[in-house]
Structures are given as structure tokens and as C-alpha cells.
Amino acid sequence: TVDAQRLEIRRVRGSDQAELGAFEC
């Protein structure tokens, strides 16, 4: 089960581009 202590939710930023391109759902 997701552990809330290990989760960060934040706004997307331009510096996230590499992670965005690798995302696969």
C-alpha cells in the first residue's frame, strides 16, 4: 500500500522533461 511518508505531490516543472517523456501508464 502507498506509504504517504514516501510520497511527494508537486507541480510539474520544466526541469521534469526527461521524466515526463519516460512515463508509461
PDB file of all heavy atoms in Angstrom:
ATOM      1  N   THR A   1       0.851  -1.184   0.000  1.00  0.00           N
ATOM      2  CA  THR A   1       0.000   0.000   0.000  1.00  0.00           C
ATOM      3  C   THR A   1       0.890   1.239   0.000  1.00  0.00           C
ATOM      4  O   THR A   1       1.941   1.249   0.646  1.00  0.00           O
ATOM      5  CB  THR A   1      -0.908   0.013   1.245  1.00  0.00           C
ATOM      6  OG1 THR A   1      -1.685  -1.193   1.243  1.00  0.00           O
ATOM      7  CG2 THR A   1      -1.836   1.202   1.249  1.00  0.00           C
ATOM      8  N   VAL A   2       0.475   2.267  -0.706  1.00  0.00           N
ATOM      9  CA  VAL A   2       1.246   3.507  -0.760  1.00  0.00           C
ATOM     10  C   VAL A   2       1.492   4.022   0.650  1.00  0.00           C
ATOM     11  O   VAL A   2       0.573   4.113   1.467  1.00  0.00           O
ATOM     12  CB  VAL A   2       0.505   4.581  -1.588  1.00  0.00           C
ATOM     13  CG1 VAL A   2       1.191   5.924  -1.477  1.00  0.00           C
ATOM     14  CG2 VAL A   2       0.416   4.168  -3.037  1.00  0.00           C
ATOM     15  N   ASP A   3       2.733   4.355   0.936  1.00  0.00           N
ATOM     16  CA  ASP A   3       3.124   4.959   2.205  1.00  0.00           C
ATOM     17  C   ASP A   3       3.172   6.473   1.985  1.00  0.00           C
ATOM     18  O   ASP A   3       4.025   6.965   1.240  1.00  0.00           O
ATOM     19  CB  ASP A   3       4.489   4.424   2.625  1.00  0.00           C
ATOM     20  CG  ASP A   3       5.025   5.041   3.900  1.00  0.00           C
ATOM     21  OD1 ASP A   3       4.398   5.967   4.458  1.00  0.00           O
ATOM     22  OD2 ASP A   3       6.103   4.602   4.341  1.00  0.00           O
ATOM     23  N   ALA A   4       2.271   7.194   2.623  1.00  0.00           N
ATOM     24  CA  ALA A   4       2.165   8.653   2.425  1.00  0.00           C
ATOM     25  C   ALA A   4       3.473   9.371   2.764  1.00  0.00           C
ATOM     26  O   ALA A   4       3.755  10.426   2.194  1.00  0.00           O
ATOM     27  CB  ALA A   4       1.021   9.213   3.264  1.00  0.00           C
ATOM     28  N   GLN A   5       4.268   8.813   3.661  1.00  0.00           N
ATOM     29  CA  GLN A   5       5.541   9.440   4.041  1.00  0.00           C
ATOM     30  C   GLN A   5       6.562   9.408   2.901  1.00  0.00           C
ATOM     31  O   GLN A   5       7.488  10.210   2.882  1.00  0.00           O
ATOM     32  CB  GLN A   5       6.124   8.750   5.285  1.00  0.00           C
ATOM     33  CG  GLN A   5       5.226   8.820   6.500  1.00  0.00           C
ATOM     34  CD  GLN A   5       4.955  10.243   6.939  1.00  0.00           C
ATOM     35  OE1 GLN A   5       5.863  11.068   6.989  1.00  0.00           O
ATOM     36  NE2 GLN A   5       3.705  10.545   7.233  1.00  0.00           N
ATOM     37  N   ARG A   6       6.383   8.481   1.974  1.00  0.00           N
ATOM     38  CA  ARG A   6       7.327   8.339   0.859  1.00  0.00           C
ATOM     39  C   ARG A   6       6.833   9.040  -0.407  1.00  0.00           C
ATOM     40  O   ARG A   6       7.491   9.011  -1.437  1.00  0.00           O
ATOM     41  CB  ARG A   6       7.551   6.856   0.581  1.00  0.00           C
ATOM     42  CG  ARG A   6       8.183   6.139   1.767  1.00  0.00           C
ATOM     43  CD  ARG A   6       8.128   4.644   1.654  1.00  0.00           C
ATOM     44  NE  ARG A   6       8.842   4.144   0.492  1.00  0.00           N
ATOM     45  CZ  ARG A   6       8.796   2.872   0.103  1.00  0.00           C
ATOM     46  NH1 ARG A   6       8.080   1.982   0.790  1.00  0.00           N
ATOM     47  NH2 ARG A   6       9.454   2.483  -0.962  1.00  0.00           N
ATOM     48  N   LEU A   7       5.657   9.678  -0.320  1.00  0.00           N
ATOM     49  CA  LEU A   7       5.011  10.300  -1.471  1.00  0.00           C
ATOM     50  C   LEU A   7       5.131  11.816  -1.420  1.00  0.00           C
ATOM     51  O   LEU A   7       4.855  12.432  -0.401  1.00  0.00           O
ATOM     52  CB  LEU A   7       3.527   9.905  -1.500  1.00  0.00           C
ATOM     53  CG  LEU A   7       2.684  10.465  -2.627  1.00  0.00           C
ATOM     54  CD1 LEU A   7       3.136   9.907  -3.978  1.00  0.00           C
ATOM     55  CD2 LEU A   7       1.217  10.135  -2.387  1.00  0.00           C
ATOM     56  N   GLU A   8       5.539  12.390  -2.528  1.00  0.00           N
ATOM     57  CA  GLU A   8       5.554  13.845  -2.688  1.00  0.00           C
ATOM     58  C   GLU A   8       4.688  14.168  -3.898  1.00  0.00           C
ATOM     59  O   GLU A   8       4.862  13.577  -4.972  1.00  0.00           O
ATOM     60  CB  GLU A   8       6.987  14.359  -2.935  1.00  0.00           C
ATOM     61  CG  GLU A   8       7.037  15.840  -3.246  1.00  0.00           C
ATOM     62  CD  GLU A   8       8.394  16.309  -3.763  1.00  0.00           C
ATOM     63  OE1 GLU A   8       9.302  15.488  -3.962  1.00  0.00           O
ATOM     64  OE2 GLU A   8       8.524  17.528  -3.996  1.00  0.00           O
ATOM     65  N   ILE A   9       3.770  15.108  -3.731  1.00  0.00           N
ATOM     66  CA  ILE A   9       2.949  15.576  -4.852  1.00  0.00           C
ATOM     67  C   ILE A   9       3.271  17.041  -5.052  1.00  0.00           C
ATOM     68  O   ILE A   9       3.133  17.850  -4.128  1.00  0.00           O
ATOM     69  CB  ILE A   9       1.442  15.372  -4.574  1.00  0.00           C
ATOM     70  CG1 ILE A   9       1.147  13.881  -4.338  1.00  0.00           C
ATOM     71  CG2 ILE A   9       0.612  15.912  -5.741  1.00  0.00           C
ATOM     72  CD1 ILE A   9      -0.286  13.585  -3.925  1.00  0.00           C
ATOM     73  N   ARG A  10       3.732  17.377  -6.251  1.00  0.00           N
ATOM     74  CA  ARG A  10       4.111  18.759  -6.552  1.00  0.00           C
ATOM     75  C   ARG A  10       3.817  19.094  -8.003  1.00  0.00           C
ATOM     76  O   ARG A  10       3.653  18.204  -8.837  1.00  0.00           O
ATOM     77  CB  ARG A  10       5.580  18.990  -6.240  1.00  0.00           C
ATOM     78  CG  ARG A  10       6.510  18.177  -7.125  1.00  0.00           C
ATOM     79  CD  ARG A  10       7.901  18.779  -7.152  1.00  0.00           C
ATOM     80  NE  ARG A  10       8.844  17.983  -7.888  1.00  0.00           N
ATOM     81  CZ  ARG A  10       8.962  17.975  -9.221  1.00  0.00           C
ATOM     82  NH1 ARG A  10       8.168  18.699  -9.970  1.00  0.00           N
ATOM     83  NH2 ARG A  10       9.877  17.230  -9.812  1.00  0.00           N
ATOM     84  N   ARG A  11       3.764  20.389  -8.287  1.00  0.00           N
ATOM     85  CA  ARG A  11       3.503  20.853  -9.654  1.00  0.00           C
ATOM     86  C   ARG A  11       4.623  20.419 -10.588  1.00  0.00           C
ATOM     87  O   ARG A  11       5.788  20.369 -10.204  1.00  0.00           O
ATOM     88  CB  ARG A  11       3.402  22.380  -9.694  1.00  0.00           C
ATOM     89  CG  ARG A  11       2.101  22.910  -9.162  1.00  0.00           C
ATOM     90  CD  ARG A  11       2.121  24.417  -9.096  1.00  0.00           C
ATOM     91  NE  ARG A  11       2.033  24.983 -10.426  1.00  0.00           N
ATOM     92  CZ  ARG A  11       1.201  25.944 -10.768  1.00  0.00           C
ATOM     93  NH1 ARG A  11       0.383  26.463  -9.874  1.00  0.00           N
ATOM     94  NH2 ARG A  11       1.187  26.426 -11.988  1.00  0.00           N
ATOM     95  N   VAL A  12       4.245  20.134 -11.813  1.00  0.00           N
ATOM     96  CA  VAL A  12       5.225  19.796 -12.842  1.00  0.00           C
ATOM     97  C   VAL A  12       6.071  21.033 -13.153  1.00  0.00           C
ATOM     98  O   VAL A  12       5.580  22.165 -13.085  1.00  0.00           O
ATOM     99  CB  VAL A  12       4.523  19.245 -14.110  1.00  0.00           C
ATOM    100  CG1 VAL A  12       3.697  20.289 -14.806  1.00  0.00           C
ATOM    101  CG2 VAL A  12       5.519  18.622 -15.063  1.00  0.00           C
ATOM    102  N   ARG A  13       7.342  20.811 -13.475  1.00  0.00           N
ATOM    103  CA  ARG A  13       8.275  21.891 -13.807  1.00  0.00           C
ATOM    104  C   ARG A  13       8.988  21.554 -15.119  1.00  0.00           C
ATOM    105  O   ARG A  13       9.079  20.382 -15.497  1.00  0.00           O
ATOM    106  CB  ARG A  13       9.331  22.043 -12.708  1.00  0.00           C
ATOM    107  CG  ARG A  13       8.779  22.246 -11.332  1.00  0.00           C
ATOM    108  CD  ARG A  13       9.889  22.511 -10.327  1.00  0.00           C
ATOM    109  NE  ARG A  13      10.601  21.316  -9.930  1.00  0.00           N
ATOM    110  CZ  ARG A  13      10.717  20.902  -8.666  1.00  0.00           C
ATOM    111  NH1 ARG A  13      10.143  21.556  -7.691  1.00  0.00           N
ATOM    112  NH2 ARG A  13      11.419  19.831  -8.398  1.00  0.00           N
ATOM    113  N   GLY A  14       9.514  22.568 -15.747  1.00  0.00           N
ATOM    114  CA  GLY A  14      10.266  22.378 -16.986  1.00  0.00           C
ATOM    115  C   GLY A  14      11.432  21.425 -16.820  1.00  0.00           C
ATOM    116  O   GLY A  14      11.771  20.675 -17.741  1.00  0.00           O
ATOM    117  N   SER A  15      12.030  21.409 -15.638  1.00  0.00           N
ATOM    118  CA  SER A  15      13.175  20.525 -15.388  1.00  0.00           C
ATOM    119  C   SER A  15      12.773  19.049 -15.289  1.00  0.00           C
ATOM    120  O   SER A  15      13.634  18.179 -15.205  1.00  0.00           O
ATOM    121  CB  SER A  15      13.903  20.954 -14.108  1.00  0.00           C
ATOM    122  OG  SER A  15      13.024  20.904 -13.003  1.00  0.00           O
ATOM    123  N   ASP A  16      11.479  18.762 -15.332  1.00  0.00           N
ATOM    124  CA  ASP A  16      10.992  17.381 -15.261  1.00  0.00           C
ATOM    125  C   ASP A  16      10.888  16.710 -16.629  1.00  0.00           C
ATOM    126  O   ASP A  16      10.441  15.569 -16.713  1.00  0.00           O
ATOM    127  CB  ASP A  16       9.589  17.341 -14.620  1.00  0.00           C
ATOM    128  CG  ASP A  16       9.585  17.806 -13.187  1.00  0.00           C
ATOM    129  OD1 ASP A  16      10.509  17.423 -12.439  1.00  0.00           O
ATOM    130  OD2 ASP A  16       8.644  18.542 -12.812  1.00  0.00           O
ATOM    131  N   GLN A  17      11.270  17.379 -17.690  1.00  0.00           N
ATOM    132  CA  GLN A  17      11.009  16.903 -19.051  1.00  0.00           C
ATOM    133  C   GLN A  17      11.458  15.466 -19.309  1.00  0.00           C
ATOM    134  O   GLN A  17      10.733  14.693 -19.924  1.00  0.00           O
ATOM    135  CB  GLN A  17      11.652  17.851 -20.075  1.00  0.00           C
ATOM    136  CG  GLN A  17      11.036  17.765 -21.439  1.00  0.00           C
ATOM    137  CD  GLN A  17       9.553  18.154 -21.457  1.00  0.00           C
ATOM    138  OE1 GLN A  17       9.166  19.201 -20.993  1.00  0.00           O
ATOM    139  NE2 GLN A  17       8.724  17.281 -22.006  1.00  0.00           N
ATOM    140  N   ALA A  18      12.632  15.074 -18.834  1.00  0.00           N
ATOM    141  CA  ALA A  18      13.118  13.706 -19.080  1.00  0.00           C
ATOM    142  C   ALA A  18      12.192  12.676 -18.427  1.00  0.00           C
ATOM    143  O   ALA A  18      11.863  11.655 -19.051  1.00  0.00           O
ATOM    144  CB  ALA A  18      14.545  13.543 -18.557  1.00  0.00           C
ATOM    145  N   GLU A  19      11.749  12.937 -17.197  1.00  0.00           N
ATOM    146  CA  GLU A  19      10.850  12.012 -16.501  1.00  0.00           C
ATOM    147  C   GLU A  19       9.491  11.939 -17.194  1.00  0.00           C
ATOM    148  O   GLU A  19       8.881  10.880 -17.277  1.00  0.00           O
ATOM    149  CB  GLU A  19      10.659  12.423 -15.036  1.00  0.00           C
ATOM    150  CG  GLU A  19      11.887  12.212 -14.175  1.00  0.00           C
ATOM    151  CD  GLU A  19      12.880  13.368 -14.259  1.00  0.00           C
ATOM    152  OE1 GLU A  19      12.618  14.375 -14.963  1.00  0.00           O
ATOM    153  OE2 GLU A  19      13.938  13.249 -13.635  1.00  0.00           O
ATOM    154  N   LEU A  20       9.031  13.080 -17.701  1.00  0.00           N
ATOM    155  CA  LEU A  20       7.737  13.112 -18.383  1.00  0.00           C
ATOM    156  C   LEU A  20       7.771  12.237 -19.627  1.00  0.00           C
ATOM    157  O   LEU A  20       6.826  11.497 -19.906  1.00  0.00           O
ATOM    158  CB  LEU A  20       7.346  14.540 -18.766  1.00  0.00           C
ATOM    159  CG  LEU A  20       7.310  15.585 -17.646  1.00  0.00           C
ATOM    160  CD1 LEU A  20       6.817  16.917 -18.198  1.00  0.00           C
ATOM    161  CD2 LEU A  20       6.485  15.132 -16.467  1.00  0.00           C
ATOM    162  N   GLY A  21       8.848  12.324 -20.375  1.00  0.00           N
ATOM    163  CA  GLY A  21       8.979  11.543 -21.600  1.00  0.00           C
ATOM    164  C   GLY A  21       9.080  10.049 -21.362  1.00  0.00           C
ATOM    165  O   GLY A  21       8.710   9.249 -22.216  1.00  0.00           O
ATOM    166  N   ALA A  22       9.569   9.649 -20.192  1.00  0.00           N
ATOM    167  CA  ALA A  22       9.736   8.225 -19.875  1.00  0.00           C
ATOM    168  C   ALA A  22       8.502   7.625 -19.204  1.00  0.00           C
ATOM    169  O   ALA A  22       8.431   6.412 -19.031  1.00  0.00           O
ATOM    170  CB  ALA A  22      10.955   8.048 -18.969  1.00  0.00           C
ATOM    171  N   PHE A  23       7.509   8.455 -18.855  1.00  0.00           N
ATOM    172  CA  PHE A  23       6.332   7.950 -18.140  1.00  0.00           C
ATOM    173  C   PHE A  23       5.541   6.996 -19.018  1.00  0.00           C
ATOM    174  O   PHE A  23       5.285   7.258 -20.183  1.00  0.00           O
ATOM    175  CB  PHE A  23       5.439   9.125 -17.714  1.00  0.00           C
ATOM    176  CG  PHE A  23       4.249   8.703 -16.903  1.00  0.00           C
ATOM    177  CD1 PHE A  23       4.392   8.398 -15.558  1.00  0.00           C
ATOM    178  CD2 PHE A  23       2.993   8.613 -17.477  1.00  0.00           C
ATOM    179  CE1 PHE A  23       3.305   8.011 -14.795  1.00  0.00           C
ATOM    180  CE2 PHE A  23       1.893   8.219 -16.730  1.00  0.00           C
ATOM    181  CZ  PHE A  23       2.049   7.923 -15.377  1.00  0.00           C
ATOM    182  N   GLU A  24       5.113   5.871 -18.427  1.00  0.00           N
ATOM    183  CA  GLU A  24       4.341   4.857 -19.156  1.00  0.00           C
ATOM    184  C   GLU A  24       3.256   4.304 -18.235  1.00  0.00           C
ATOM    185  O   GLU A  24       3.548   3.642 -17.239  1.00  0.00           O
ATOM    186  CB  GLU A  24       5.251   3.721 -19.627  1.00  0.00           C
ATOM    187  CG  GLU A  24       4.533   2.555 -20.253  1.00  0.00           C
ATOM    188  CD  GLU A  24       3.605   2.937 -21.400  1.00  0.00           C
ATOM    189  OE1 GLU A  24       4.067   3.632 -22.321  1.00  0.00           O
ATOM    190  OE2 GLU A  24       2.434   2.540 -21.372  1.00  0.00           O
ATOM    191  N   CYS A  25       2.014   4.600 -18.595  1.00  0.00           N
ATOM    192  CA  CYS A  25       0.890   4.108 -17.791  1.00  0.00           C
ATOM    193  C   CYS A  25       0.078   3.044 -18.525  1.00  0.00           C
ATOM    194  O   CYS A  25      -0.844   2.464 -17.949  1.00  0.00           O
ATOM    195  CB  CYS A  25      -0.015   5.261 -17.384  1.00  0.00           C
ATOM    196  SG  CYS A  25      -0.932   6.000 -18.752  1.00  0.00           S
TER     197      CYS A  25
END
